[in-house]
């Protein structure tokens, strides 16, 4: 098993479907591979588009 960590904060309002789309599209990973995908939260004054 691999652990894949996003290097930038992710907007958690995306829901599970949005996160799966990010993993598949931007990262080219298989969401059903058994790997763990971790997303850091944006806190404080962090601005997301």
C-alpha atoms as a PDB file:
ATOM      1  CA  UNK A   1       0.000   0.000   0.000  1.00  0.00           C
ATOM      2  CA  UNK A   2       1.167   3.530  -0.820  1.00  0.00           C
ATOM      3  CA  UNK A   3       0.223   6.759   0.913  1.00  0.00           C
ATOM      4  CA  UNK A   4      -0.316   9.660  -1.508  1.00  0.00           C
ATOM      5  CA  UNK A   5      -0.335  13.095   0.124  1.00  0.00           C
ATOM      6  CA  UNK A   6      -1.568  16.246  -1.607  1.00  0.00           C
ATOM      7  CA  UNK A   7       1.080  18.964  -1.369  1.00  0.00           C
ATOM      8  CA  UNK A   8      -1.426  21.841  -1.427  1.00  0.00           C
ATOM      9  CA  UNK A   9      -4.572  22.355   0.660  1.00  0.00           C
ATOM     10  CA  UNK A  10      -7.748  20.947  -0.866  1.00  0.00           C
ATOM     11  CA  UNK A  11     -11.221  22.461  -0.668  1.00  0.00           C
ATOM     12  CA  UNK A  12     -13.064  19.818   1.362  1.00  0.00           C
ATOM     13  CA  UNK A  13     -16.409  21.114   0.087  1.00  0.00           C
ATOM     14  CA  UNK A  14     -15.685  19.028  -3.017  1.00  0.00           C
ATOM     15  CA  UNK A  15     -17.213  15.962  -1.296  1.00  0.00           C
ATOM     16  CA  UNK A  16     -16.051  12.424  -2.010  1.00  0.00           C
ATOM     17  CA  UNK A  17     -16.954  12.632  -5.704  1.00  0.00           C
ATOM     18  CA  UNK A  18     -14.881  15.776  -6.207  1.00  0.00           C
ATOM     19  CA  UNK A  19     -11.916  14.256  -4.398  1.00  0.00           C
ATOM     20  CA  UNK A  20     -12.166  11.104  -6.510  1.00  0.00           C
ATOM     21  CA  UNK A  21     -12.168  13.259  -9.644  1.00  0.00           C
ATOM     22  CA  UNK A  22      -9.026  15.027  -8.417  1.00  0.00           C
ATOM     23  CA  UNK A  23      -7.256  11.723  -7.714  1.00  0.00           C
ATOM     24  CA  UNK A  24      -8.205  10.272 -11.115  1.00  0.00           C
ATOM     25  CA  UNK A  25      -7.723  13.350 -13.287  1.00  0.00           C
ATOM     26  CA  UNK A  26      -4.956  15.485 -11.813  1.00  0.00           C
ATOM     27  CA  UNK A  27      -2.929  12.691 -10.240  1.00  0.00           C
ATOM     28  CA  UNK A  28      -3.668   9.847 -12.669  1.00  0.00           C
ATOM     29  CA  UNK A  29      -4.230   7.408  -9.803  1.00  0.00           C
ATOM     30  CA  UNK A  30      -6.775   4.592  -9.487  1.00  0.00           C
ATOM     31  CA  UNK A  31      -9.068   5.365  -6.540  1.00  0.00           C
ATOM     32  CA  UNK A  32      -9.764   1.637  -6.080  1.00  0.00           C
ATOM     33  CA  UNK A  33      -6.079   0.634  -5.930  1.00  0.00           C
ATOM     34  CA  UNK A  34      -6.045   0.194  -2.160  1.00  0.00           C
ATOM     35  CA  UNK A  35      -3.742   3.187  -1.667  1.00  0.00           C
ATOM     36  CA  UNK A  36      -4.432   5.860   0.934  1.00  0.00           C
ATOM     37  CA  UNK A  37      -4.993   9.399  -0.361  1.00  0.00           C
ATOM     38  CA  UNK A  38      -4.558  12.204   2.188  1.00  0.00           C
ATOM     39  CA  UNK A  39      -5.662  15.804   1.757  1.00  0.00           C
ATOM     40  CA  UNK A  40      -4.466  18.609   4.076  1.00  0.00           C
ATOM     41  CA  UNK A  41      -7.142  21.021   5.246  1.00  0.00           C
ATOM     42  CA  UNK A  42      -6.993  24.702   4.525  1.00  0.00           C
ATOM     43  CA  UNK A  43      -6.945  26.578   7.841  1.00  0.00           C
ATOM     44  CA  UNK A  44      -6.929  30.213   8.853  1.00  0.00           C
ATOM     45  CA  UNK A  45      -6.317  32.730   6.105  1.00  0.00           C
ATOM     46  CA  UNK A  46      -5.806  30.151   3.354  1.00  0.00           C
ATOM     47  CA  UNK A  47      -7.790  31.073   0.241  1.00  0.00           C
ATOM     48  CA  UNK A  48      -9.094  28.535  -2.194  1.00  0.00           C
ATOM     49  CA  UNK A  49     -10.423  29.424  -5.648  1.00  0.00           C
END
